[in-house]
Amino acid sequence: MRAPIGSFENASPAVDRQDLLTAPVAEAVRTGWGGIAPDQVLHVDTDPEIADTAAFVAHHGADLLDHSANCVVLSGKRGADVTLAACLVLSHSRVDVNGVARKHLGLRKARFASMDTAVGETGMEYGGITPIGLPAAWPLLIDSAVVDEEWVLIGSGSRRGKLIVTGKALGALPGAVVLDGLGVRAPDASQAPS
């Protein structure tokens, strides 16, 4: 099957490629969510050496920058309580961490979670973290531009492979809150973090 975006010739329903998914992602794909059936999530097998956004779009085409999204994990404190949350923005953007995200989460200060925290808490590989299969208690903040996309390329939970889903399906994920202005276009979009 050909993927609906990008130059990927070998797309498959992700439910058929569970061997390439991390446990939390495989479980979420198997069960579906918000009326999204498991076969509506596609998997494309990709080289883990080019999983980061800049290398990935250089290899697979710059147009993917407008149709892919990055998921980052934030950590913030309010008093003694630590909050972990995920943010999803288009790849040509950066997360407005201490503006929109911090204010929505009601935190005094927010920052990117350490790699050890992000990997340990999600059960996913760094550079492949995806909004599908995140811990149920986490807030998931999604920029409205992501939800407006017909198809979006996101991580698969590992550095090998990507998932393709509709923007609408991402907005229906458990705990998702769609926010305007969460993603701020990066000055040099080709250098957006992965």
N, C-alpha and C. Protein backbone atom coordinates (compact mmCIF):
# COMPACT_ATOMS: atom_id res chain seq x y z
N MET A 1 0.85 -1.18 0.00
CA MET A 1 0.00 0.00 0.00
C MET A 1 0.90 1.24 0.00
N ARG A 2 0.52 2.24 -0.78
CA ARG A 2 1.26 3.50 -0.82
C ARG A 2 0.72 4.42 0.27
N ALA A 3 1.63 5.13 0.92
CA ALA A 3 1.25 6.06 1.98
C ALA A 3 0.54 7.28 1.39
N PRO A 4 -0.41 7.88 2.12
CA PRO A 4 -1.13 9.05 1.61
C PRO A 4 -0.28 10.32 1.56
N ILE A 5 0.85 10.33 2.26
CA ILE A 5 1.79 11.45 2.19
C ILE A 5 3.21 10.89 2.10
N GLY A 6 4.12 11.69 1.62
CA GLY A 6 5.51 11.27 1.52
C GLY A 6 5.73 10.31 0.36
N SER A 7 6.95 9.85 0.25
CA SER A 7 7.33 8.97 -0.85
C SER A 7 7.45 7.52 -0.40
N PHE A 8 6.68 7.15 0.60
CA PHE A 8 6.78 5.81 1.16
C PHE A 8 5.96 4.82 0.33
N GLU A 9 6.62 3.84 -0.22
CA GLU A 9 5.95 2.84 -1.06
C GLU A 9 5.31 1.73 -0.23
N ASN A 10 5.86 1.45 0.94
CA ASN A 10 5.42 0.30 1.71
C ASN A 10 4.78 0.68 3.03
N ALA A 11 3.61 1.24 2.96
CA ALA A 11 2.85 1.54 4.18
C ALA A 11 1.98 0.34 4.50
N SER A 12 1.79 0.08 5.77
CA SER A 12 0.95 -1.02 6.23
C SER A 12 0.12 -0.54 7.41
N PRO A 13 -1.04 -1.15 7.65
CA PRO A 13 -1.74 -0.83 8.90
C PRO A 13 -0.79 -1.11 10.07
N ALA A 14 -0.67 -0.18 10.99
CA ALA A 14 0.26 -0.34 12.12
C ALA A 14 -0.08 -1.57 12.95
N VAL A 15 -1.34 -1.95 12.98
CA VAL A 15 -1.75 -3.12 13.76
C VAL A 15 -1.10 -4.38 13.20
N ASP A 16 -0.69 -4.36 11.93
CA ASP A 16 0.00 -5.50 11.32
C ASP A 16 1.51 -5.44 11.53
N ARG A 17 2.02 -4.35 12.12
CA ARG A 17 3.47 -4.17 12.32
C ARG A 17 3.80 -4.00 13.79
N GLN A 18 3.05 -4.65 14.66
CA GLN A 18 3.26 -4.49 16.10
C GLN A 18 4.65 -4.91 16.55
N ASP A 19 5.30 -5.78 15.78
CA ASP A 19 6.66 -6.20 16.11
C ASP A 19 7.65 -5.04 16.03
N LEU A 20 7.28 -3.97 15.33
CA LEU A 20 8.16 -2.80 15.21
C LEU A 20 7.76 -1.66 16.14
N LEU A 21 6.72 -1.87 16.95
CA LEU A 21 6.24 -0.83 17.85
C LEU A 21 6.62 -1.14 19.29
N THR A 22 6.80 -0.10 20.09
CA THR A 22 7.02 -0.31 21.52
C THR A 22 5.71 -0.76 22.15
N ALA A 23 5.79 -1.37 23.31
CA ALA A 23 4.60 -1.96 23.96
C ALA A 23 3.44 -0.98 24.14
N PRO A 24 3.67 0.25 24.67
CA PRO A 24 2.52 1.14 24.86
C PRO A 24 1.87 1.59 23.54
N VAL A 25 2.68 1.75 22.50
CA VAL A 25 2.15 2.16 21.20
C VAL A 25 1.37 1.00 20.58
N ALA A 26 1.93 -0.21 20.66
CA ALA A 26 1.25 -1.38 20.11
C ALA A 26 -0.11 -1.58 20.77
N GLU A 27 -0.18 -1.41 22.09
CA GLU A 27 -1.45 -1.56 22.81
C GLU A 27 -2.47 -0.51 22.36
N ALA A 28 -2.04 0.74 22.24
CA ALA A 28 -2.96 1.81 21.81
C ALA A 28 -3.45 1.57 20.38
N VAL A 29 -2.56 1.11 19.51
CA VAL A 29 -2.95 0.85 18.13
C VAL A 29 -3.94 -0.32 18.06
N ARG A 30 -3.70 -1.35 18.86
CA ARG A 30 -4.58 -2.53 18.88
C ARG A 30 -6.00 -2.17 19.31
N THR A 31 -6.12 -1.32 20.31
CA THR A 31 -7.44 -1.01 20.86
C THR A 31 -8.13 0.15 20.17
N GLY A 32 -7.38 1.02 19.50
CA GLY A 32 -7.98 2.20 18.88
C GLY A 32 -8.41 3.19 19.96
N TRP A 33 -9.01 4.29 19.55
CA TRP A 33 -9.46 5.32 20.50
C TRP A 33 -10.43 6.26 19.81
N GLY A 34 -11.30 6.86 20.56
CA GLY A 34 -12.20 7.91 20.06
C GLY A 34 -12.87 7.59 18.75
N GLY A 35 -13.26 6.34 18.52
CA GLY A 35 -13.88 5.98 17.26
C GLY A 35 -12.90 5.72 16.13
N ILE A 36 -11.60 5.81 16.43
CA ILE A 36 -10.57 5.55 15.42
C ILE A 36 -10.24 4.06 15.46
N ALA A 37 -10.49 3.38 14.37
CA ALA A 37 -10.23 1.94 14.29
C ALA A 37 -8.75 1.67 14.11
N PRO A 38 -8.27 0.51 14.59
CA PRO A 38 -6.85 0.19 14.47
C PRO A 38 -6.30 0.27 13.05
N ASP A 39 -7.08 -0.07 12.04
CA ASP A 39 -6.55 -0.06 10.68
C ASP A 39 -6.44 1.34 10.07
N GLN A 40 -6.84 2.37 10.83
CA GLN A 40 -6.72 3.74 10.35
C GLN A 40 -5.37 4.37 10.68
N VAL A 41 -4.53 3.64 11.39
CA VAL A 41 -3.18 4.09 11.72
C VAL A 41 -2.22 3.31 10.83
N LEU A 42 -1.42 4.04 10.04
CA LEU A 42 -0.49 3.40 9.11
C LEU A 42 0.93 3.45 9.65
N HIS A 43 1.72 2.46 9.29
CA HIS A 43 3.13 2.40 9.67
C HIS A 43 3.98 2.39 8.41
N VAL A 44 5.04 3.18 8.42
CA VAL A 44 6.05 3.11 7.37
C VAL A 44 7.38 2.80 8.03
N ASP A 45 8.07 1.81 7.50
CA ASP A 45 9.36 1.40 8.05
C ASP A 45 10.42 2.36 7.53
N THR A 46 11.20 2.93 8.44
CA THR A 46 12.22 3.91 8.05
C THR A 46 13.53 3.60 8.78
N ASP A 47 14.59 4.17 8.29
CA ASP A 47 15.93 3.98 8.84
C ASP A 47 16.06 4.75 10.16
N PRO A 48 16.41 4.06 11.26
CA PRO A 48 16.54 4.76 12.54
C PRO A 48 17.66 5.79 12.56
N GLU A 49 18.61 5.67 11.67
CA GLU A 49 19.73 6.62 11.62
C GLU A 49 19.29 8.00 11.14
N ILE A 50 18.13 8.09 10.50
CA ILE A 50 17.66 9.39 10.01
C ILE A 50 16.30 9.74 10.64
N ALA A 51 16.09 9.34 11.90
CA ALA A 51 14.81 9.58 12.57
C ALA A 51 14.60 11.05 12.93
N ASP A 52 15.68 11.78 13.18
CA ASP A 52 15.53 13.19 13.55
C ASP A 52 14.99 13.99 12.36
N THR A 53 14.21 15.00 12.66
CA THR A 53 13.47 15.74 11.64
C THR A 53 14.33 16.23 10.49
N ALA A 54 15.42 16.93 10.78
CA ALA A 54 16.23 17.52 9.71
C ALA A 54 16.75 16.44 8.76
N ALA A 55 17.29 15.36 9.31
CA ALA A 55 17.82 14.28 8.46
C ALA A 55 16.69 13.57 7.72
N PHE A 56 15.58 13.39 8.39
CA PHE A 56 14.45 12.67 7.79
C PHE A 56 13.90 13.41 6.57
N VAL A 57 13.66 14.70 6.71
CA VAL A 57 13.11 15.45 5.57
C VAL A 57 14.15 15.64 4.47
N ALA A 58 15.43 15.69 4.82
CA ALA A 58 16.46 15.78 3.80
C ALA A 58 16.43 14.52 2.93
N HIS A 59 16.13 13.39 3.53
CA HIS A 59 16.10 12.11 2.80
C HIS A 59 14.76 11.86 2.10
N HIS A 60 13.66 12.15 2.78
CA HIS A 60 12.33 11.81 2.27
C HIS A 60 11.56 12.97 1.64
N GLY A 61 12.11 14.17 1.67
CA GLY A 61 11.47 15.31 1.02
C GLY A 61 11.06 16.40 1.98
N ALA A 62 11.42 17.64 1.65
CA ALA A 62 11.16 18.79 2.51
C ALA A 62 9.67 19.04 2.71
N ASP A 63 8.81 18.56 1.79
CA ASP A 63 7.37 18.78 1.94
C ASP A 63 6.82 18.09 3.19
N LEU A 64 7.53 17.07 3.69
CA LEU A 64 7.07 16.39 4.91
C LEU A 64 7.14 17.30 6.14
N LEU A 65 7.95 18.34 6.07
CA LEU A 65 8.03 19.28 7.18
C LEU A 65 6.67 19.91 7.47
N ASP A 66 5.85 20.07 6.44
CA ASP A 66 4.52 20.65 6.61
C ASP A 66 3.47 19.61 6.99
N HIS A 67 3.81 18.33 6.93
CA HIS A 67 2.84 17.27 7.19
C HIS A 67 3.30 16.30 8.26
N SER A 68 4.28 16.71 9.05
CA SER A 68 4.74 15.86 10.14
C SER A 68 4.71 16.67 11.43
N ALA A 69 4.66 15.95 12.54
CA ALA A 69 4.59 16.61 13.84
C ALA A 69 5.55 15.93 14.82
N ASN A 70 6.07 16.73 15.72
CA ASN A 70 6.96 16.24 16.77
C ASN A 70 6.25 16.25 18.11
N CYS A 71 6.49 15.21 18.87
CA CYS A 71 5.93 15.09 20.22
C CYS A 71 7.07 15.25 21.22
N VAL A 72 6.93 16.21 22.11
CA VAL A 72 7.94 16.44 23.14
C VAL A 72 7.30 16.32 24.51
N VAL A 73 8.12 15.92 25.47
CA VAL A 73 7.66 15.75 26.85
C VAL A 73 8.13 16.94 27.67
N LEU A 74 7.19 17.54 28.39
CA LEU A 74 7.50 18.66 29.28
C LEU A 74 7.41 18.22 30.73
N SER A 75 8.17 18.91 31.54
CA SER A 75 8.13 18.71 32.99
C SER A 75 7.96 20.08 33.63
N GLY A 76 7.12 20.15 34.63
CA GLY A 76 6.92 21.42 35.31
C GLY A 76 6.53 21.22 36.75
N LYS A 77 6.71 22.26 37.53
CA LYS A 77 6.40 22.19 38.95
C LYS A 77 5.40 23.26 39.33
N ARG A 78 4.60 22.88 40.27
CA ARG A 78 3.75 23.83 40.98
C ARG A 78 3.82 23.39 42.43
N GLY A 79 4.53 24.18 43.24
CA GLY A 79 4.82 23.75 44.60
C GLY A 79 5.73 22.54 44.55
N ALA A 80 5.37 21.49 45.28
CA ALA A 80 6.16 20.26 45.30
C ALA A 80 5.72 19.27 44.23
N ASP A 81 4.60 19.53 43.58
CA ASP A 81 4.06 18.61 42.58
C ASP A 81 4.76 18.77 41.24
N VAL A 82 5.15 17.64 40.66
CA VAL A 82 5.76 17.63 39.33
C VAL A 82 4.73 17.12 38.34
N THR A 83 4.56 17.85 37.25
CA THR A 83 3.64 17.47 36.19
C THR A 83 4.42 17.10 34.95
N LEU A 84 4.07 15.97 34.35
CA LEU A 84 4.60 15.60 33.05
C LEU A 84 3.47 15.71 32.05
N ALA A 85 3.78 16.23 30.88
CA ALA A 85 2.79 16.40 29.83
C ALA A 85 3.49 16.25 28.49
N ALA A 86 2.71 16.01 27.45
CA ALA A 86 3.26 15.93 26.10
C ALA A 86 2.66 17.03 25.25
N CYS A 87 3.45 17.52 24.32
CA CYS A 87 3.00 18.55 23.38
C CYS A 87 3.29 18.06 21.96
N LEU A 88 2.34 18.30 21.06
CA LEU A 88 2.49 17.90 19.67
C LEU A 88 2.31 19.12 18.79
N VAL A 89 3.37 19.44 18.02
CA VAL A 89 3.33 20.58 17.10
C VAL A 89 3.90 20.15 15.75
N LEU A 90 3.54 20.86 14.70
CA LEU A 90 4.10 20.57 13.39
C LEU A 90 5.62 20.69 13.44
N SER A 91 6.29 19.91 12.64
CA SER A 91 7.76 19.83 12.70
C SER A 91 8.47 21.12 12.36
N HIS A 92 7.83 22.01 11.63
CA HIS A 92 8.47 23.29 11.32
C HIS A 92 8.29 24.30 12.45
N SER A 93 7.70 23.86 13.56
CA SER A 93 7.42 24.74 14.69
C SER A 93 8.15 24.28 15.94
N ARG A 94 8.17 25.16 16.92
CA ARG A 94 8.67 24.81 18.25
C ARG A 94 7.52 25.01 19.23
N VAL A 95 7.57 24.33 20.34
CA VAL A 95 6.54 24.43 21.37
C VAL A 95 6.74 25.72 22.16
N ASP A 96 5.67 26.46 22.36
CA ASP A 96 5.71 27.65 23.22
C ASP A 96 5.63 27.16 24.67
N VAL A 97 6.77 26.67 25.16
CA VAL A 97 6.84 26.00 26.47
C VAL A 97 6.42 26.91 27.60
N ASN A 98 7.04 28.08 27.72
CA ASN A 98 6.75 28.93 28.87
C ASN A 98 5.69 29.99 28.59
N GLY A 99 4.97 29.82 27.51
CA GLY A 99 3.82 30.67 27.22
C GLY A 99 2.57 29.82 27.27
N VAL A 100 2.10 29.37 26.12
CA VAL A 100 0.84 28.63 26.00
C VAL A 100 0.84 27.35 26.83
N ALA A 101 1.89 26.54 26.73
CA ALA A 101 1.92 25.25 27.45
C ALA A 101 1.91 25.46 28.97
N ARG A 102 2.81 26.28 29.46
CA ARG A 102 2.91 26.51 30.90
C ARG A 102 1.62 27.06 31.47
N LYS A 103 1.06 28.04 30.79
CA LYS A 103 -0.18 28.65 31.27
C LYS A 103 -1.34 27.66 31.28
N HIS A 104 -1.46 26.87 30.20
CA HIS A 104 -2.56 25.91 30.16
C HIS A 104 -2.44 24.87 31.28
N LEU A 105 -1.21 24.45 31.57
CA LEU A 105 -0.99 23.43 32.59
C LEU A 105 -1.00 24.01 34.01
N GLY A 106 -1.03 25.33 34.12
CA GLY A 106 -1.06 25.97 35.43
C GLY A 106 0.23 25.80 36.21
N LEU A 107 1.35 25.81 35.51
CA LEU A 107 2.65 25.60 36.14
C LEU A 107 3.37 26.92 36.36
N ARG A 108 4.22 26.92 37.38
CA ARG A 108 5.04 28.11 37.63
C ARG A 108 6.12 28.22 36.55
N LYS A 109 6.72 27.07 36.21
CA LYS A 109 7.75 27.04 35.17
C LYS A 109 7.70 25.67 34.51
N ALA A 110 7.92 25.64 33.21
CA ALA A 110 7.95 24.38 32.47
C ALA A 110 9.24 24.30 31.67
N ARG A 111 9.67 23.07 31.42
CA ARG A 111 10.87 22.85 30.61
C ARG A 111 10.74 21.49 29.93
N PHE A 112 11.62 21.23 28.98
CA PHE A 112 11.65 19.91 28.36
C PHE A 112 12.11 18.91 29.41
N ALA A 113 11.45 17.78 29.48
CA ALA A 113 11.86 16.74 30.41
C ALA A 113 13.21 16.17 29.97
N SER A 114 13.97 15.66 30.92
CA SER A 114 15.25 15.03 30.57
C SER A 114 14.99 13.80 29.71
N MET A 115 16.00 13.39 28.98
CA MET A 115 15.87 12.21 28.13
C MET A 115 15.52 10.99 28.98
N ASP A 116 16.17 10.82 30.11
CA ASP A 116 15.89 9.67 30.98
C ASP A 116 14.44 9.66 31.45
N THR A 117 13.93 10.83 31.82
CA THR A 117 12.53 10.92 32.26
C THR A 117 11.58 10.61 31.11
N ALA A 118 11.82 11.23 29.96
CA ALA A 118 10.94 11.03 28.80
C ALA A 118 10.88 9.56 28.39
N VAL A 119 12.03 8.92 28.31
CA VAL A 119 12.10 7.52 27.90
C VAL A 119 11.53 6.61 28.98
N GLY A 120 11.92 6.85 30.22
CA GLY A 120 11.48 6.00 31.32
C GLY A 120 9.98 6.06 31.57
N GLU A 121 9.40 7.23 31.45
CA GLU A 121 7.97 7.39 31.73
C GLU A 121 7.07 6.99 30.57
N THR A 122 7.57 7.09 29.33
CA THR A 122 6.74 6.75 28.17
C THR A 122 6.91 5.31 27.71
N GLY A 123 8.06 4.69 28.00
CA GLY A 123 8.35 3.36 27.48
C GLY A 123 8.68 3.40 26.00
N MET A 124 9.07 4.58 25.51
CA MET A 124 9.39 4.77 24.10
C MET A 124 10.84 5.19 23.96
N GLU A 125 11.36 5.13 22.73
CA GLU A 125 12.72 5.53 22.47
C GLU A 125 12.80 7.04 22.22
N TYR A 126 13.89 7.64 22.71
CA TYR A 126 14.11 9.05 22.48
C TYR A 126 14.30 9.27 20.98
N GLY A 127 13.63 10.25 20.43
CA GLY A 127 13.67 10.50 19.00
C GLY A 127 12.53 9.82 18.26
N GLY A 128 11.73 9.03 18.99
CA GLY A 128 10.59 8.36 18.38
C GLY A 128 9.32 8.52 19.20
N ILE A 129 9.37 9.37 20.24
CA ILE A 129 8.22 9.54 21.13
C ILE A 129 7.02 10.03 20.33
N THR A 130 5.89 9.41 20.60
CA THR A 130 4.67 9.67 19.86
C THR A 130 3.52 9.94 20.82
N PRO A 131 2.50 10.66 20.40
CA PRO A 131 1.36 10.89 21.29
C PRO A 131 0.48 9.66 21.46
N ILE A 132 0.65 8.67 20.62
CA ILE A 132 -0.15 7.44 20.71
C ILE A 132 0.49 6.50 21.72
N GLY A 133 -0.24 6.19 22.79
CA GLY A 133 0.27 5.29 23.81
C GLY A 133 0.94 5.96 24.99
N LEU A 134 0.76 7.26 25.14
CA LEU A 134 1.31 7.96 26.30
C LEU A 134 0.61 7.52 27.58
N PRO A 135 1.24 7.73 28.74
CA PRO A 135 0.56 7.41 30.00
C PRO A 135 -0.80 8.11 30.08
N ALA A 136 -1.81 7.38 30.52
CA ALA A 136 -3.20 7.86 30.51
C ALA A 136 -3.41 9.14 31.32
N ALA A 137 -2.66 9.33 32.37
CA ALA A 137 -2.87 10.50 33.24
C ALA A 137 -2.24 11.77 32.69
N TRP A 138 -1.45 11.67 31.66
CA TRP A 138 -0.76 12.84 31.14
C TRP A 138 -1.67 13.73 30.32
N PRO A 139 -1.56 15.04 30.51
CA PRO A 139 -2.18 15.95 29.55
C PRO A 139 -1.44 15.85 28.21
N LEU A 140 -2.18 15.92 27.13
CA LEU A 140 -1.59 15.93 25.79
C LEU A 140 -2.08 17.20 25.10
N LEU A 141 -1.17 18.14 24.92
CA LEU A 141 -1.50 19.42 24.29
C LEU A 141 -1.14 19.33 22.81
N ILE A 142 -2.10 19.64 21.96
CA ILE A 142 -1.89 19.55 20.52
C ILE A 142 -2.18 20.90 19.88
N ASP A 143 -1.24 21.37 19.08
CA ASP A 143 -1.45 22.63 18.37
C ASP A 143 -2.58 22.43 17.35
N SER A 144 -3.45 23.41 17.23
CA SER A 144 -4.60 23.30 16.33
C SER A 144 -4.18 23.08 14.88
N ALA A 145 -2.99 23.54 14.50
CA ALA A 145 -2.53 23.33 13.12
C ALA A 145 -2.32 21.85 12.82
N VAL A 146 -1.97 21.05 13.83
CA VAL A 146 -1.80 19.61 13.64
C VAL A 146 -3.14 18.97 13.32
N VAL A 147 -4.16 19.32 14.07
CA VAL A 147 -5.50 18.74 13.90
C VAL A 147 -6.09 19.13 12.55
N ASP A 148 -5.69 20.29 12.04
CA ASP A 148 -6.20 20.76 10.74
C ASP A 148 -5.60 20.00 9.55
N GLU A 149 -4.50 19.26 9.76
CA GLU A 149 -3.87 18.51 8.67
C GLU A 149 -4.70 17.28 8.33
N GLU A 150 -4.83 16.99 7.04
CA GLU A 150 -5.54 15.78 6.64
C GLU A 150 -4.78 14.54 7.12
N TRP A 151 -3.48 14.46 6.85
CA TRP A 151 -2.62 13.36 7.26
C TRP A 151 -1.40 13.93 7.95
N VAL A 152 -0.95 13.25 9.01
CA VAL A 152 0.21 13.71 9.78
C VAL A 152 1.15 12.53 10.01
N LEU A 153 2.43 12.76 9.78
CA LEU A 153 3.48 11.79 10.04
C LEU A 153 4.01 12.05 11.44
N ILE A 154 4.02 11.03 12.30
CA ILE A 154 4.50 11.18 13.67
C ILE A 154 5.43 10.01 14.00
N GLY A 155 6.05 10.07 15.17
CA GLY A 155 6.89 8.98 15.62
C GLY A 155 6.08 7.71 15.85
N SER A 156 6.80 6.61 15.98
CA SER A 156 6.14 5.32 16.20
C SER A 156 6.43 4.73 17.57
N GLY A 157 7.13 5.49 18.40
CA GLY A 157 7.54 4.98 19.71
C GLY A 157 8.97 4.46 19.68
N SER A 158 9.47 4.20 18.49
CA SER A 158 10.88 3.81 18.34
C SER A 158 11.48 4.67 17.23
N ARG A 159 12.79 4.64 17.14
CA ARG A 159 13.44 5.44 16.09
C ARG A 159 13.26 4.80 14.72
N ARG A 160 12.92 3.53 14.70
CA ARG A 160 12.67 2.85 13.43
C ARG A 160 11.20 2.94 13.12
N GLY A 161 10.86 3.57 12.03
CA GLY A 161 9.48 3.64 11.58
C GLY A 161 8.77 4.90 12.02
N LYS A 162 7.73 5.23 11.29
CA LYS A 162 6.86 6.37 11.58
C LYS A 162 5.43 5.91 11.43
N LEU A 163 4.52 6.66 12.05
CA LEU A 163 3.09 6.42 11.91
C LEU A 163 2.47 7.55 11.11
N ILE A 164 1.44 7.23 10.34
CA ILE A 164 0.69 8.23 9.59
C ILE A 164 -0.77 8.10 10.02
N VAL A 165 -1.30 9.22 10.52
CA VAL A 165 -2.69 9.26 10.99
C VAL A 165 -3.32 10.58 10.56
N THR A 166 -4.61 10.66 10.65
CA THR A 166 -5.26 11.93 10.34
C THR A 166 -5.11 12.90 11.51
N GLY A 167 -5.14 14.18 11.18
CA GLY A 167 -5.12 15.18 12.24
C GLY A 167 -6.30 15.02 13.18
N LYS A 168 -7.45 14.67 12.63
CA LYS A 168 -8.65 14.46 13.42
C LYS A 168 -8.45 13.32 14.43
N ALA A 169 -7.77 12.25 14.02
CA ALA A 169 -7.51 11.12 14.92
C ALA A 169 -6.61 11.55 16.07
N LEU A 170 -5.64 12.41 15.79
CA LEU A 170 -4.75 12.89 16.85
C LEU A 170 -5.53 13.73 17.86
N GLY A 171 -6.44 14.56 17.37
CA GLY A 171 -7.27 15.38 18.26
C GLY A 171 -8.20 14.56 19.14
N ALA A 172 -8.46 13.31 18.75
CA ALA A 172 -9.35 12.43 19.51
C ALA A 172 -8.61 11.55 20.52
N LEU A 173 -7.28 11.68 20.60
CA LEU A 173 -6.51 10.86 21.54
C LEU A 173 -6.93 11.14 22.98
N PRO A 174 -6.83 10.13 23.85
CA PRO A 174 -7.17 10.33 25.27
C PRO A 174 -6.36 11.47 25.87
N GLY A 175 -7.01 12.34 26.61
CA GLY A 175 -6.34 13.45 27.28
C GLY A 175 -5.96 14.61 26.39
N ALA A 176 -6.31 14.55 25.10
CA ALA A 176 -5.90 15.60 24.17
C ALA A 176 -6.68 16.89 24.38
N VAL A 177 -5.96 17.98 24.35
CA VAL A 177 -6.53 19.32 24.38
C VAL A 177 -5.92 20.08 23.21
N VAL A 178 -6.75 20.58 22.34
CA VAL A 178 -6.27 21.30 21.15
C VAL A 178 -6.19 22.78 21.50
N LEU A 179 -5.02 23.36 21.26
CA LEU A 179 -4.76 24.76 21.61
C LEU A 179 -4.25 25.55 20.42
N ASP A 180 -4.75 26.74 20.24
CA ASP A 180 -4.20 27.66 19.24
C ASP A 180 -2.91 28.24 19.79
N GLY A 181 -1.91 28.37 18.92
CA GLY A 181 -0.67 29.04 19.30
C GLY A 181 0.31 28.21 20.10
N LEU A 182 0.06 26.93 20.29
CA LEU A 182 1.02 26.08 21.02
C LEU A 182 2.31 25.94 20.22
N GLY A 183 2.18 25.84 18.90
CA GLY A 183 3.34 25.75 18.03
C GLY A 183 3.67 27.11 17.45
N VAL A 184 4.93 27.49 17.55
CA VAL A 184 5.41 28.76 17.01
C VAL A 184 6.39 28.42 15.90
N ARG A 185 6.15 28.95 14.72
CA ARG A 185 7.01 28.62 13.58
C ARG A 185 8.46 28.94 13.91
N ALA A 186 9.33 27.95 13.72
CA ALA A 186 10.75 28.12 14.01
C ALA A 186 11.36 29.06 12.97
N PRO A 187 12.31 29.92 13.38
CA PRO A 187 12.94 30.85 12.44
C PRO A 187 13.55 30.12 11.25
N ASP A 188 14.25 29.01 11.51
CA ASP A 188 14.80 28.19 10.42
C ASP A 188 14.14 26.82 10.56
N ALA A 189 13.04 26.63 9.84
CA ALA A 189 12.22 25.44 10.00
C ALA A 189 12.98 24.15 9.75
N SER A 190 14.02 24.18 8.94
CA SER A 190 14.76 22.94 8.68
C SER A 190 15.55 22.49 9.89
N GLN A 191 15.68 23.36 10.89
CA GLN A 191 16.41 23.01 12.09
C GLN A 191 15.49 22.76 13.27
N ALA A 192 14.19 22.57 13.02
CA ALA A 192 13.25 22.30 14.11
C ALA A 192 13.66 21.03 14.83
N PRO A 193 13.53 21.00 16.17
CA PRO A 193 13.93 19.81 16.92
C PRO A 193 13.03 18.64 16.62
N SER A 194 13.57 17.43 16.78
CA SER A 194 12.74 16.25 16.56
C SER A 194 12.21 15.72 17.86
